C-alpha atoms as a PDB file:
ATOM      1  CA  UNK A   1     -53.285-237.119  31.199  1.00  0.00           C
ATOM      2  CA  UNK A   2     -53.423-240.518  29.672  1.00  0.00           C
ATOM      3  CA  UNK A   3     -52.909-240.622  25.853  1.00  0.00           C
ATOM      4  CA  UNK A   4     -55.572-242.691  24.131  1.00  0.00           C
ATOM      5  CA  UNK A   5     -54.653-244.807  21.145  1.00  0.00           C
ATOM      6  CA  UNK A   6     -54.650-243.112  17.784  1.00  0.00           C
ATOM      7  CA  UNK A   7     -53.924-244.411  14.262  1.00  0.00           C
ATOM      8  CA  UNK A   8     -50.247-245.422  14.278  1.00  0.00           C
ATOM      9  CA  UNK A   9     -47.581-244.742  11.693  1.00  0.00           C
ATOM     10  CA  UNK A  10     -46.655-247.641   9.391  1.00  0.00           C
ATOM     11  CA  UNK A  11     -44.846-250.128  11.643  1.00  0.00           C
ATOM     12  CA  UNK A  12     -41.526-251.779  10.919  1.00  0.00           C
ATOM     13  CA  UNK A  13     -41.563-255.517  10.252  1.00  0.00           C
ATOM     14  CA  UNK A  14     -40.195-257.453  13.243  1.00  0.00           C
ATOM     15  CA  UNK A  15     -37.308-259.927  12.728  1.00  0.00           C
ATOM     16  CA  UNK A  16     -39.522-263.001  13.119  1.00  0.00           C
ATOM     17  CA  UNK A  17     -36.933-265.631  12.304  1.00  0.00           C
ATOM     18  CA  UNK A  18     -34.428-264.441  14.889  1.00  0.00           C
ATOM     19  CA  UNK A  19     -37.155-263.847  17.460  1.00  0.00           C
ATOM     20  CA  UNK A  20     -38.913-267.184  17.162  1.00  0.00           C
ATOM     21  CA  UNK A  21     -35.638-269.032  17.472  1.00  0.00           C
ATOM     22  CA  UNK A  22     -35.570-267.710  21.045  1.00  0.00           C
ATOM     23  CA  UNK A  23     -39.005-269.239  21.825  1.00  0.00           C
ATOM     24  CA  UNK A  24     -40.629-272.651  21.609  1.00  0.00           C
ATOM     25  CA  UNK A  25     -43.445-271.075  19.605  1.00  0.00           C
ATOM     26  CA  UNK A  26     -43.104-272.744  16.219  1.00  0.00           C
ATOM     27  CA  UNK A  27     -42.594-271.074  12.849  1.00  0.00           C
ATOM     28  CA  UNK A  28     -44.339-267.912  11.650  1.00  0.00           C
ATOM     29  CA  UNK A  29     -47.416-268.342   9.475  1.00  0.00           C
ATOM     30  CA  UNK A  30     -48.767-264.771   9.489  1.00  0.00           C
ATOM     31  CA  UNK A  31     -47.920-261.501  11.204  1.00  0.00           C
ATOM     32  CA  UNK A  32     -49.958-258.322  11.007  1.00  0.00           C
ATOM     33  CA  UNK A  33     -49.839-255.040  12.932  1.00  0.00           C
ATOM     34  CA  UNK A  34     -52.622-254.352  15.397  1.00  0.00           C
ATOM     35  CA  UNK A  35     -53.946-251.057  16.727  1.00  0.00           C
ATOM     36  CA  UNK A  36     -51.375-249.663  19.102  1.00  0.00           C
ATOM     37  CA  UNK A  37     -50.768-246.906  21.568  1.00  0.00           C
ATOM     38  CA  UNK A  38     -48.331-244.066  21.350  1.00  0.00           C
ATOM     39  CA  UNK A  39     -45.486-245.890  23.062  1.00  0.00           C
ATOM     40  CA  UNK A  40     -44.839-249.197  21.318  1.00  0.00           C
ATOM     41  CA  UNK A  41     -45.713-251.411  18.362  1.00  0.00           C
ATOM     42  CA  UNK A  42     -47.768-254.583  18.453  1.00  0.00           C
ATOM     43  CA  UNK A  43     -48.423-257.487  16.079  1.00  0.00           C
ATOM     44  CA  UNK A  44     -50.835-260.386  15.865  1.00  0.00           C
ATOM     45  CA  UNK A  45     -48.604-263.359  15.222  1.00  0.00           C
ATOM     46  CA  UNK A  46     -49.821-266.751  14.037  1.00  0.00           C
ATOM     47  CA  UNK A  47     -47.361-269.639  14.116  1.00  0.00           C
ATOM     48  CA  UNK A  48     -47.477-273.379  13.639  1.00  0.00           C
ATOM     49  CA  UNK A  49     -48.108-273.645  17.393  1.00  0.00           C
ATOM     50  CA  UNK A  50     -50.738-271.000  18.028  1.00  0.00           C
ATOM     51  CA  UNK A  51     -51.597-267.295  18.151  1.00  0.00           C
ATOM     52  CA  UNK A  52     -49.576-264.685  20.001  1.00  0.00           C
ATOM     53  CA  UNK A  53     -49.252-260.973  20.594  1.00  0.00           C
ATOM     54  CA  UNK A  54     -45.760-259.794  19.742  1.00  0.00           C
ATOM     55  CA  UNK A  55     -44.801-256.512  21.346  1.00  0.00           C
ATOM     56  CA  UNK A  56     -41.944-254.339  20.150  1.00  0.00           C
ATOM     57  CA  UNK A  57     -40.883-252.074  23.008  1.00  0.00           C
ATOM     58  CA  UNK A  58     -39.796-249.154  20.846  1.00  0.00           C
ATOM     59  CA  UNK A  59     -40.342-246.151  23.114  1.00  0.00           C
ATOM     60  CA  UNK A  60     -36.938-245.084  24.503  1.00  0.00           C
ATOM     61  CA  UNK A  61     -38.423-244.004  27.834  1.00  0.00           C
ATOM     62  CA  UNK A  62     -39.852-247.443  28.588  1.00  0.00           C
ATOM     63  CA  UNK A  63     -37.788-249.859  26.473  1.00  0.00           C
ATOM     64  CA  UNK A  64     -34.909-250.617  28.843  1.00  0.00           C
ATOM     65  CA  UNK A  65     -34.810-254.413  29.249  1.00  0.00           C
ATOM     66  CA  UNK A  66     -34.605-254.095  33.035  1.00  0.00           C
ATOM     67  CA  UNK A  67     -37.744-251.961  33.181  1.00  0.00           C
ATOM     68  CA  UNK A  68     -39.591-254.352  30.874  1.00  0.00           C
ATOM     69  CA  UNK A  69     -38.563-257.318  33.013  1.00  0.00           C
ATOM     70  CA  UNK A  70     -39.946-255.511  36.073  1.00  0.00           C
ATOM     71  CA  UNK A  71     -43.289-255.088  34.286  1.00  0.00           C
ATOM     72  CA  UNK A  72     -43.240-258.762  33.392  1.00  0.00           C
ATOM     73  CA  UNK A  73     -42.564-259.852  36.972  1.00  0.00           C
ATOM     74  CA  UNK A  74     -45.413-257.644  38.162  1.00  0.00           C
ATOM     75  CA  UNK A  75     -47.940-259.059  35.697  1.00  0.00           C
ATOM     76  CA  UNK A  76     -46.944-262.637  36.528  1.00  0.00           C
ATOM     77  CA  UNK A  77     -47.429-261.978  40.233  1.00  0.00           C
ATOM     78  CA  UNK A  78     -50.768-260.297  39.534  1.00  0.00           C
ATOM     79  CA  UNK A  79     -51.843-263.283  37.455  1.00  0.00           C
ATOM     80  CA  UNK A  80     -50.962-265.542  40.383  1.00  0.00           C
ATOM     81  CA  UNK A  81     -53.397-263.482  42.487  1.00  0.00           C
ATOM     82  CA  UNK A  82     -56.153-263.892  39.898  1.00  0.00           C
ATOM     83  CA  UNK A  83     -55.975-260.411  38.337  1.00  0.00           C
ATOM     84  CA  UNK A  84     -56.859-260.590  34.607  1.00  0.00           C
ATOM     85  CA  UNK A  85     -53.568-259.890  32.852  1.00  0.00           C
ATOM     86  CA  UNK A  86     -51.563-261.539  30.052  1.00  0.00           C
ATOM     87  CA  UNK A  87     -48.033-262.245  31.338  1.00  0.00           C
ATOM     88  CA  UNK A  88     -45.346-262.754  28.689  1.00  0.00           C
ATOM     89  CA  UNK A  89     -44.062-266.153  27.682  1.00  0.00           C
ATOM     90  CA  UNK A  90     -40.523-267.138  28.672  1.00  0.00           C
ATOM     91  CA  UNK A  91     -37.975-267.810  25.991  1.00  0.00           C
ATOM     92  CA  UNK A  92     -35.801-270.900  25.794  1.00  0.00           C
ATOM     93  CA  UNK A  93     -33.379-269.247  28.222  1.00  0.00           C
ATOM     94  CA  UNK A  94     -36.155-268.456  30.697  1.00  0.00           C
ATOM     95  CA  UNK A  95     -36.084-264.732  30.011  1.00  0.00           C
ATOM     96  CA  UNK A  96     -39.199-262.816  28.977  1.00  0.00           C
ATOM     97  CA  UNK A  97     -37.378-260.036  27.089  1.00  0.00           C
ATOM     98  CA  UNK A  98     -35.830-260.895  23.719  1.00  0.00           C
ATOM     99  CA  UNK A  99     -33.284-258.425  22.350  1.00  0.00           C
ATOM    100  CA  UNK A 100     -32.627-258.595  18.608  1.00  0.00           C
ATOM    101  CA  UNK A 101     -30.632-255.959  16.764  1.00  0.00           C
ATOM    102  CA  UNK A 102     -30.675-253.697  19.788  1.00  0.00           C
ATOM    103  CA  UNK A 103     -34.485-253.777  20.020  1.00  0.00           C
ATOM    104  CA  UNK A 104     -36.507-255.345  22.843  1.00  0.00           C
ATOM    105  CA  UNK A 105     -39.453-257.658  22.194  1.00  0.00           C
ATOM    106  CA  UNK A 106     -41.843-259.738  24.267  1.00  0.00           C
ATOM    107  CA  UNK A 107     -44.202-262.546  23.272  1.00  0.00           C
ATOM    108  CA  UNK A 108     -47.590-262.772  24.974  1.00  0.00           C
ATOM    109  CA  UNK A 109     -50.504-265.179  24.561  1.00  0.00           C
ATOM    110  CA  UNK A 110     -53.152-263.825  22.209  1.00  0.00           C
ATOM    111  CA  UNK A 111     -56.252-262.707  24.140  1.00  0.00           C
ATOM    112  CA  UNK A 112     -59.518-262.701  22.222  1.00  0.00           C
ATOM    113  CA  UNK A 113     -61.580-259.727  23.294  1.00  0.00           C
ATOM    114  CA  UNK A 114     -62.723-256.229  22.479  1.00  0.00           C
ATOM    115  CA  UNK A 115     -62.384-252.783  23.965  1.00  0.00           C
ATOM    116  CA  UNK A 116     -65.428-251.130  25.561  1.00  0.00           C
ATOM    117  CA  UNK A 117     -65.847-247.480  26.527  1.00  0.00           C
ATOM    118  CA  UNK A 118     -68.114-246.278  29.300  1.00  0.00           C
ATOM    119  CA  UNK A 119     -71.083-245.731  27.001  1.00  0.00           C
ATOM    120  CA  UNK A 120     -71.099-249.480  26.315  1.00  0.00           C
ATOM    121  CA  UNK A 121     -71.147-250.423  30.011  1.00  0.00           C
ATOM    122  CA  UNK A 122     -74.164-250.708  32.271  1.00  0.00           C
ATOM    123  CA  UNK A 123     -74.098-249.011  35.648  1.00  0.00           C
ATOM    124  CA  UNK A 124     -73.415-252.380  37.287  1.00  0.00           C
ATOM    125  CA  UNK A 125     -70.514-252.988  34.903  1.00  0.00           C
ATOM    126  CA  UNK A 126     -69.137-249.539  35.739  1.00  0.00           C
ATOM    127  CA  UNK A 127     -69.042-250.611  39.359  1.00  0.00           C
ATOM    128  CA  UNK A 128     -67.159-253.744  38.374  1.00  0.00           C
ATOM    129  CA  UNK A 129     -64.699-251.611  36.429  1.00  0.00           C
ATOM    130  CA  UNK A 130     -63.989-249.435  39.468  1.00  0.00           C
ATOM    131  CA  UNK A 131     -63.639-252.539  41.626  1.00  0.00           C
ATOM    132  CA  UNK A 132     -61.167-253.997  39.122  1.00  0.00           C
ATOM    133  CA  UNK A 133     -58.914-250.942  39.277  1.00  0.00           C
ATOM    134  CA  UNK A 134     -59.150-250.991  43.070  1.00  0.00           C
ATOM    135  CA  UNK A 135     -58.068-254.647  43.064  1.00  0.00           C
ATOM    136  CA  UNK A 136     -55.160-253.767  40.769  1.00  0.00           C
ATOM    137  CA  UNK A 137     -53.939-251.070  43.144  1.00  0.00           C
ATOM    138  CA  UNK A 138     -54.384-253.231  46.234  1.00  0.00           C
ATOM    139  CA  UNK A 139     -52.686-256.197  44.556  1.00  0.00           C
ATOM    140  CA  UNK A 140     -49.741-254.124  43.355  1.00  0.00           C
ATOM    141  CA  UNK A 141     -49.175-253.101  46.963  1.00  0.00           C
ATOM    142  CA  UNK A 142     -48.783-256.801  47.769  1.00  0.00           C
ATOM    143  CA  UNK A 143     -46.469-257.793  44.942  1.00  0.00           C
ATOM    144  CA  UNK A 144     -44.271-254.731  44.342  1.00  0.00           C
ATOM    145  CA  UNK A 145     -41.331-253.587  46.480  1.00  0.00           C
ATOM    146  CA  UNK A 146     -42.183-251.160  49.266  1.00  0.00           C
ATOM    147  CA  UNK A 147     -38.878-249.296  48.904  1.00  0.00           C
ATOM    148  CA  UNK A 148     -39.905-248.029  45.471  1.00  0.00           C
ATOM    149  CA  UNK A 149     -42.988-246.447  46.974  1.00  0.00           C
ATOM    150  CA  UNK A 150     -41.010-244.960  49.851  1.00  0.00           C
ATOM    151  CA  UNK A 151     -38.597-243.195  47.487  1.00  0.00           C
ATOM    152  CA  UNK A 152     -41.320-241.657  45.328  1.00  0.00           C
ATOM    153  CA  UNK A 153     -42.579-238.127  45.824  1.00  0.00           C
ATOM    154  CA  UNK A 154     -45.681-236.641  44.180  1.00  0.00           C
ATOM    155  CA  UNK A 155     -44.981-234.123  41.454  1.00  0.00           C
ATOM    156  CA  UNK A 156     -45.770-230.436  41.687  1.00  0.00           C
ATOM    157  CA  UNK A 157     -48.973-229.301  40.039  1.00  0.00           C
ATOM    158  CA  UNK A 158     -48.926-227.223  36.859  1.00  0.00           C
ATOM    159  CA  UNK A 159     -47.709-223.640  37.208  1.00  0.00           C
ATOM    160  CA  UNK A 160     -50.286-221.270  35.659  1.00  0.00           C
ATOM    161  CA  UNK A 161     -47.583-218.743  34.748  1.00  0.00           C
ATOM    162  CA  UNK A 162     -45.988-221.307  32.449  1.00  0.00           C
ATOM    163  CA  UNK A 163     -49.388-222.223  31.061  1.00  0.00           C
ATOM    164  CA  UNK A 164     -50.142-218.598  30.171  1.00  0.00           C
ATOM    165  CA  UNK A 165     -46.852-218.453  28.253  1.00  0.00           C
ATOM    166  CA  UNK A 166     -47.712-221.675  26.434  1.00  0.00           C
ATOM    167  CA  UNK A 167     -51.167-220.361  25.516  1.00  0.00           C
ATOM    168  CA  UNK A 168     -49.598-217.218  24.029  1.00  0.00           C
ATOM    169  CA  UNK A 169     -47.174-219.313  21.994  1.00  0.00           C
ATOM    170  CA  UNK A 170     -49.909-221.606  20.706  1.00  0.00           C
ATOM    171  CA  UNK A 171     -52.140-218.660  19.823  1.00  0.00           C
ATOM    172  CA  UNK A 172     -49.290-217.173  17.808  1.00  0.00           C
ATOM    173  CA  UNK A 173     -48.858-220.460  15.943  1.00  0.00           C
ATOM    174  CA  UNK A 174     -52.595-220.594  15.212  1.00  0.00           C
ATOM    175  CA  UNK A 175     -52.591-217.006  13.914  1.00  0.00           C
ATOM    176  CA  UNK A 176     -49.780-217.848  11.480  1.00  0.00           C
ATOM    177  CA  UNK A 177     -51.903-220.532   9.831  1.00  0.00           C
ATOM    178  CA  UNK A 178     -53.310-219.211   6.561  1.00  0.00           C
ATOM    179  CA  UNK A 179     -55.882-220.053   5.523  1.00  0.00           C
ATOM    180  CA  UNK A 180     -57.288-221.152   8.848  1.00  0.00           C
ATOM    181  CA  UNK A 181     -59.306-224.359   8.890  1.00  0.00           C
ATOM    182  CA  UNK A 182     -61.999-225.528  11.311  1.00  0.00           C
ATOM    183  CA  UNK A 183     -59.431-227.053  13.670  1.00  0.00           C
ATOM    184  CA  UNK A 184     -57.572-223.737  13.848  1.00  0.00           C
ATOM    185  CA  UNK A 185     -60.792-221.896  14.647  1.00  0.00           C
ATOM    186  CA  UNK A 186     -61.684-224.324  17.434  1.00  0.00           C
ATOM    187  CA  UNK A 187     -58.144-224.219  18.814  1.00  0.00           C
ATOM    188  CA  UNK A 188     -58.167-220.414  18.933  1.00  0.00           C
ATOM    189  CA  UNK A 189     -61.569-220.398  20.656  1.00  0.00           C
ATOM    190  CA  UNK A 190     -60.505-222.951  23.264  1.00  0.00           C
ATOM    191  CA  UNK A 191     -57.171-221.254  23.957  1.00  0.00           C
ATOM    192  CA  UNK A 192     -58.826-217.900  24.627  1.00  0.00           C
ATOM    193  CA  UNK A 193     -61.516-219.596  26.693  1.00  0.00           C
ATOM    194  CA  UNK A 194     -58.964-221.529  28.738  1.00  0.00           C
ATOM    195  CA  UNK A 195     -56.877-218.427  29.373  1.00  0.00           C
ATOM    196  CA  UNK A 196     -59.942-216.696  30.818  1.00  0.00           C
ATOM    197  CA  UNK A 197     -60.701-219.711  33.020  1.00  0.00           C
ATOM    198  CA  UNK A 198     -57.149-219.852  34.317  1.00  0.00           C
ATOM    199  CA  UNK A 199     -57.182-216.149  35.104  1.00  0.00           C
ATOM    200  CA  UNK A 200     -60.354-216.737  37.092  1.00  0.00           C
ATOM    201  CA  UNK A 201     -59.099-219.841  38.940  1.00  0.00           C
ATOM    202  CA  UNK A 202     -55.333-219.275  39.199  1.00  0.00           C
ATOM    203  CA  UNK A 203     -55.575-219.144  42.979  1.00  0.00           C
ATOM    204  CA  UNK A 204     -56.868-222.720  43.147  1.00  0.00           C
ATOM    205  CA  UNK A 205     -53.560-224.372  42.236  1.00  0.00           C
ATOM    206  CA  UNK A 206     -53.394-227.584  44.301  1.00  0.00           C
ATOM    207  CA  UNK A 207     -50.467-228.682  46.476  1.00  0.00           C
ATOM    208  CA  UNK A 208     -48.422-231.806  45.789  1.00  0.00           C
ATOM    209  CA  UNK A 209     -50.361-235.018  45.316  1.00  0.00           C
ATOM    210  CA  UNK A 210     -51.553-237.341  48.015  1.00  0.00           C
ATOM    211  CA  UNK A 211     -50.851-240.963  48.944  1.00  0.00           C
ATOM    212  CA  UNK A 212     -48.628-242.653  46.360  1.00  0.00           C
ATOM    213  CA  UNK A 213     -48.523-246.314  45.421  1.00  0.00           C
ATOM    214  CA  UNK A 214     -47.852-248.636  42.513  1.00  0.00           C
ATOM    215  CA  UNK A 215     -50.225-248.012  39.598  1.00  0.00           C
ATOM    216  CA  UNK A 216     -50.784-249.321  36.082  1.00  0.00           C
ATOM    217  CA  UNK A 217     -50.025-245.822  34.810  1.00  0.00           C
ATOM    218  CA  UNK A 218     -52.223-245.838  31.694  1.00  0.00           C
ATOM    219  CA  UNK A 219     -55.585-247.412  32.569  1.00  0.00           C
ATOM    220  CA  UNK A 220     -58.102-246.585  29.834  1.00  0.00           C
ATOM    221  CA  UNK A 221     -60.476-248.378  27.418  1.00  0.00           C
ATOM    222  CA  UNK A 222     -57.817-249.368  24.900  1.00  0.00           C
ATOM    223  CA  UNK A 223     -55.735-251.054  27.584  1.00  0.00           C
ATOM    224  CA  UNK A 224     -58.561-253.296  28.782  1.00  0.00           C
ATOM    225  CA  UNK A 225     -59.940-256.229  26.799  1.00  0.00           C
ATOM    226  CA  UNK A 226     -63.416-257.610  27.461  1.00  0.00           C
ATOM    227  CA  UNK A 227     -64.648-261.075  26.625  1.00  0.00           C
ATOM    228  CA  UNK A 228     -68.414-260.835  26.757  1.00  0.00           C
ATOM    229  CA  UNK A 229     -69.317-258.766  29.801  1.00  0.00           C
ATOM    230  CA  UNK A 230     -66.201-259.597  31.813  1.00  0.00           C
ATOM    231  CA  UNK A 231     -62.705-258.095  31.626  1.00  0.00           C
ATOM    232  CA  UNK A 232     -60.343-260.617  30.029  1.00  0.00           C
ATOM    233  CA  UNK A 233     -57.015-258.803  30.329  1.00  0.00           C
ATOM    234  CA  UNK A 234     -55.456-255.513  31.384  1.00  0.00           C
ATOM    235  CA  UNK A 235     -52.648-254.868  28.905  1.00  0.00           C
ATOM    236  CA  UNK A 236     -49.837-252.377  28.217  1.00  0.00           C
ATOM    237  CA  UNK A 237     -48.057-252.032  31.554  1.00  0.00           C
ATOM    238  CA  UNK A 238     -45.328-249.762  30.150  1.00  0.00           C
ATOM    239  CA  UNK A 239     -46.204-246.937  32.560  1.00  0.00           C
ATOM    240  CA  UNK A 240     -46.121-249.130  35.678  1.00  0.00           C
ATOM    241  CA  UNK A 241     -44.756-246.905  38.411  1.00  0.00           C
ATOM    242  CA  UNK A 242     -45.346-245.116  41.686  1.00  0.00           C
ATOM    243  CA  UNK A 243     -47.854-242.264  41.516  1.00  0.00           C
ATOM    244  CA  UNK A 244     -50.815-240.935  43.519  1.00  0.00           C
ATOM    245  CA  UNK A 245     -53.218-243.872  43.218  1.00  0.00           C
ATOM    246  CA  UNK A 246     -56.486-241.961  43.476  1.00  0.00           C
ATOM    247  CA  UNK A 247     -55.417-239.713  40.611  1.00  0.00           C
ATOM    248  CA  UNK A 248     -55.118-242.725  38.321  1.00  0.00           C
ATOM    249  CA  UNK A 249     -58.655-243.680  39.336  1.00  0.00           C
ATOM    250  CA  UNK A 250     -59.945-240.221  38.431  1.00  0.00           C
ATOM    251  CA  UNK A 251     -58.030-240.017  35.133  1.00  0.00           C
ATOM    252  CA  UNK A 252     -59.309-243.433  34.103  1.00  0.00           C
ATOM    253  CA  UNK A 253     -62.914-242.503  34.871  1.00  0.00           C
ATOM    254  CA  UNK A 254     -62.609-239.263  32.917  1.00  0.00           C
ATOM    255  CA  UNK A 255     -61.469-241.205  29.843  1.00  0.00           C
ATOM    256  CA  UNK A 256     -63.986-244.041  30.187  1.00  0.00           C
ATOM    257  CA  UNK A 257     -67.016-241.861  30.910  1.00  0.00           C
ATOM    258  CA  UNK A 258     -66.502-238.732  28.817  1.00  0.00           C
ATOM    259  CA  UNK A 259     -69.287-238.146  26.306  1.00  0.00           C
ATOM    260  CA  UNK A 260     -68.728-236.784  22.773  1.00  0.00           C
ATOM    261  CA  UNK A 261     -69.978-233.340  23.840  1.00  0.00           C
ATOM    262  CA  UNK A 262     -67.333-233.141  26.577  1.00  0.00           C
ATOM    263  CA  UNK A 263     -69.467-233.998  29.627  1.00  0.00           C
ATOM    264  CA  UNK A 264     -69.129-236.878  32.091  1.00  0.00           C
ATOM    265  CA  UNK A 265     -71.758-239.533  32.735  1.00  0.00           C
ATOM    266  CA  UNK A 266     -71.910-238.820  36.455  1.00  0.00           C
ATOM    267  CA  UNK A 267     -74.206-241.716  37.513  1.00  0.00           C
ATOM    268  CA  UNK A 268     -71.715-244.132  35.980  1.00  0.00           C
ATOM    269  CA  UNK A 269     -68.814-242.245  37.565  1.00  0.00           C
ATOM    270  CA  UNK A 270     -70.504-242.590  40.951  1.00  0.00           C
ATOM    271  CA  UNK A 271     -70.939-246.369  40.596  1.00  0.00           C
ATOM    272  CA  UNK A 272     -67.336-246.727  39.459  1.00  0.00           C
ATOM    273  CA  UNK A 273     -65.918-244.520  42.223  1.00  0.00           C
ATOM    274  CA  UNK A 274     -67.832-246.194  45.052  1.00  0.00           C
ATOM    275  CA  UNK A 275     -66.574-249.603  43.981  1.00  0.00           C
ATOM    276  CA  UNK A 276     -63.031-248.302  43.580  1.00  0.00           C
ATOM    277  CA  UNK A 277     -63.004-246.751  47.050  1.00  0.00           C
ATOM    278  CA  UNK A 278     -64.265-249.983  48.578  1.00  0.00           C
ATOM    279  CA  UNK A 279     -61.713-252.311  46.943  1.00  0.00           C
ATOM    280  CA  UNK A 280     -58.734-249.935  47.074  1.00  0.00           C
ATOM    281  CA  UNK A 281     -59.398-248.758  50.620  1.00  0.00           C
ATOM    282  CA  UNK A 282     -59.424-245.130  49.456  1.00  0.00           C
ATOM    283  CA  UNK A 283     -61.224-242.468  51.464  1.00  0.00           C
ATOM    284  CA  UNK A 284     -63.727-239.939  50.079  1.00  0.00           C
ATOM    285  CA  UNK A 285     -61.344-237.096  50.949  1.00  0.00           C
ATOM    286  CA  UNK A 286     -58.565-238.820  48.996  1.00  0.00           C
ATOM    287  CA  UNK A 287     -60.799-239.012  45.917  1.00  0.00           C
ATOM    288  CA  UNK A 288     -61.945-235.401  46.328  1.00  0.00           C
ATOM    289  CA  UNK A 289     -58.322-234.208  46.448  1.00  0.00           C
ATOM    290  CA  UNK A 290     -57.527-236.299  43.377  1.00  0.00           C
ATOM    291  CA  UNK A 291     -60.475-234.784  41.509  1.00  0.00           C
ATOM    292  CA  UNK A 292     -59.117-231.324  42.238  1.00  0.00           C
ATOM    293  CA  UNK A 293     -55.611-232.187  41.039  1.00  0.00           C
ATOM    294  CA  UNK A 294     -56.791-233.881  37.830  1.00  0.00           C
ATOM    295  CA  UNK A 295     -59.185-230.996  37.113  1.00  0.00           C
ATOM    296  CA  UNK A 296     -56.264-228.593  37.461  1.00  0.00           C
ATOM    297  CA  UNK A 297     -54.107-230.817  35.291  1.00  0.00           C
ATOM    298  CA  UNK A 298     -56.745-230.791  32.550  1.00  0.00           C
ATOM    299  CA  UNK A 299     -57.175-227.041  32.833  1.00  0.00           C
ATOM    300  CA  UNK A 300     -53.438-226.567  32.163  1.00  0.00           C
ATOM    301  CA  UNK A 301     -52.954-229.337  29.604  1.00  0.00           C
ATOM    302  CA  UNK A 302     -52.503-228.696  25.868  1.00  0.00           C
ATOM    303  CA  UNK A 303     -50.681-231.795  24.654  1.00  0.00           C
ATOM    304  CA  UNK A 304     -53.003-232.307  21.696  1.00  0.00           C
ATOM    305  CA  UNK A 305     -52.458-228.768  20.425  1.00  0.00           C
ATOM    306  CA  UNK A 306     -48.723-229.058  20.980  1.00  0.00           C
ATOM    307  CA  UNK A 307     -48.654-232.198  18.868  1.00  0.00           C
ATOM    308  CA  UNK A 308     -50.631-230.457  16.142  1.00  0.00           C
ATOM    309  CA  UNK A 309     -48.803-227.116  16.002  1.00  0.00           C
ATOM    310  CA  UNK A 310     -45.318-227.906  17.296  1.00  0.00           C
ATOM    311  CA  UNK A 311     -44.799-231.351  15.812  1.00  0.00           C
ATOM    312  CA  UNK A 312     -47.183-231.377  12.862  1.00  0.00           C
ATOM    313  CA  UNK A 313     -48.654-234.607  14.260  1.00  0.00           C
ATOM    314  CA  UNK A 314     -52.424-234.705  13.773  1.00  0.00           C
ATOM    315  CA  UNK A 315     -53.149-238.199  15.132  1.00  0.00           C
ATOM    316  CA  UNK A 316     -54.741-236.835  18.317  1.00  0.00           C
ATOM    317  CA  UNK A 317     -56.909-234.239  16.525  1.00  0.00           C
ATOM    318  CA  UNK A 318     -60.146-236.305  16.727  1.00  0.00           C
ATOM    319  CA  UNK A 319     -59.872-236.323  20.533  1.00  0.00           C
ATOM    320  CA  UNK A 320     -59.527-232.554  20.855  1.00  0.00           C
ATOM    321  CA  UNK A 321     -63.181-231.387  20.613  1.00  0.00           C
ATOM    322  CA  UNK A 322     -64.421-233.539  23.514  1.00  0.00           C
ATOM    323  CA  UNK A 323     -61.276-233.148  25.614  1.00  0.00           C
ATOM    324  CA  UNK A 324     -61.202-229.370  25.304  1.00  0.00           C
ATOM    325  CA  UNK A 325     -64.928-229.080  26.035  1.00  0.00           C
ATOM    326  CA  UNK A 326     -64.543-231.284  29.107  1.00  0.00           C
ATOM    327  CA  UNK A 327     -62.215-228.853  30.864  1.00  0.00           C
ATOM    328  CA  UNK A 328     -64.814-226.096  30.518  1.00  0.00           C
ATOM    329  CA  UNK A 329     -67.743-228.265  31.583  1.00  0.00           C
ATOM    330  CA  UNK A 330     -65.792-229.712  34.522  1.00  0.00           C
ATOM    331  CA  UNK A 331     -64.993-226.230  35.799  1.00  0.00           C
ATOM    332  CA  UNK A 332     -68.661-225.267  35.653  1.00  0.00           C
ATOM    333  CA  UNK A 333     -69.840-228.536  37.242  1.00  0.00           C
ATOM    334  CA  UNK A 334     -66.933-228.866  39.679  1.00  0.00           C
ATOM    335  CA  UNK A 335     -69.063-229.582  42.766  1.00  0.00           C
ATOM    336  CA  UNK A 336     -71.180-232.201  40.984  1.00  0.00           C
ATOM    337  CA  UNK A 337     -68.065-233.997  39.735  1.00  0.00           C
ATOM    338  CA  UNK A 338     -66.520-234.029  43.211  1.00  0.00           C
ATOM    339  CA  UNK A 339     -69.760-235.346  44.651  1.00  0.00           C
ATOM    340  CA  UNK A 340     -69.870-238.194  42.109  1.00  0.00           C
ATOM    341  CA  UNK A 341     -66.365-239.348  43.006  1.00  0.00           C
ATOM    342  CA  UNK A 342     -66.417-238.812  46.755  1.00  0.00           C
ATOM    343  CA  UNK A 343     -69.943-239.666  47.963  1.00  0.00           C
END
C-alpha cells in the first residue's frame, strides 16, 4: 500500500553553497525543511532569484542518478502534454541531477498550493481527481518506453501462510509489552480479528495482477498540490514504474476517501472511478479485479505494526486505527465497494 507522509526525523542541512554553484539560481537567503514523505527530504529554498523546492534524494532504493533522471524526463514530457507537474530545473551543465558529496539533489520551482483529502472535495471534484489520474496513466503510455512495460510482470499476491506466521510473531511481540498501552490493546484486537478473517477468506487469494503500464507509483493526497479548486502539481515521482494501472487507481481512492472510522465514502469513490475509467480507457472488469487484489493486499498488510514493533518507529501509529478498521469494513462491504468502482 502507499505510505502516507508522517512527521519526519530531523533533516540534515543540504550543502547549499556547492549546490547553488551548479545552478543559475542566485545565492541562498533562507532554507527550511518542509513536510516530507518516507523516501526523501525536501526544503523550501529562498534565494536572491526566487523560491524553489530543493529535493534530497536520500532513499537508497530510488536515489540512483540514472533513475532520478528518468523521472525528470518523464515529468518534463508530461508537462509538455499539459499534465500539472513541476519538472526540475537544469543546472549550468544542462543536467537535472546535482551530485554533491555522494548525495543526489534536484531543484524544482516552488509551487504554491495545499494538500486536500477526499473529505475536502466535492463529488464533482472527485470526478476531476479520477480523470486526472486517468490522464496521467494515458499520458505516461505516450511518453515512456514501451519496452519497459513489455518486460514487467505483475507480482504474486500475498501468501496467507506467510501472513499467519507474521501475525503470530507480531502477537508475541505485543504480549511481551508490559505494561500494555492503548496501542498494544488495539494491535492485539486487530491481529486476532484479521487472523479470523484470513482463515475465513484464505481461498479467495487472487491470481497475478492484470494489465500493467507506467504509473506514478505513490498517488495520494500528500503528493498532489491544489491551488484553489484545481490541481496545481503532482509531485514526488520516486516510485515511477510499471505496475498494474487499475490497482494504483484503487489504492489512491482508498487513501483519498477513507473516513476516520475506517469506511470509504462510496458516492465519491463512484464519481472518481467513473471518471478514471473514461480517461484511462479502463474497463469495469479491470477495476473489479483491481479492487479484489487491493482488498487482499490490505487484508494481508501489517506494515504499520511492523514499523512499531520491529523497528520501534512510531511515526505511522496515527494512521493505524483507520487503516486497520478499513480492512474489516471492506471485507464486510465487499460487494458495495466493487460496485462503486466498477459500475
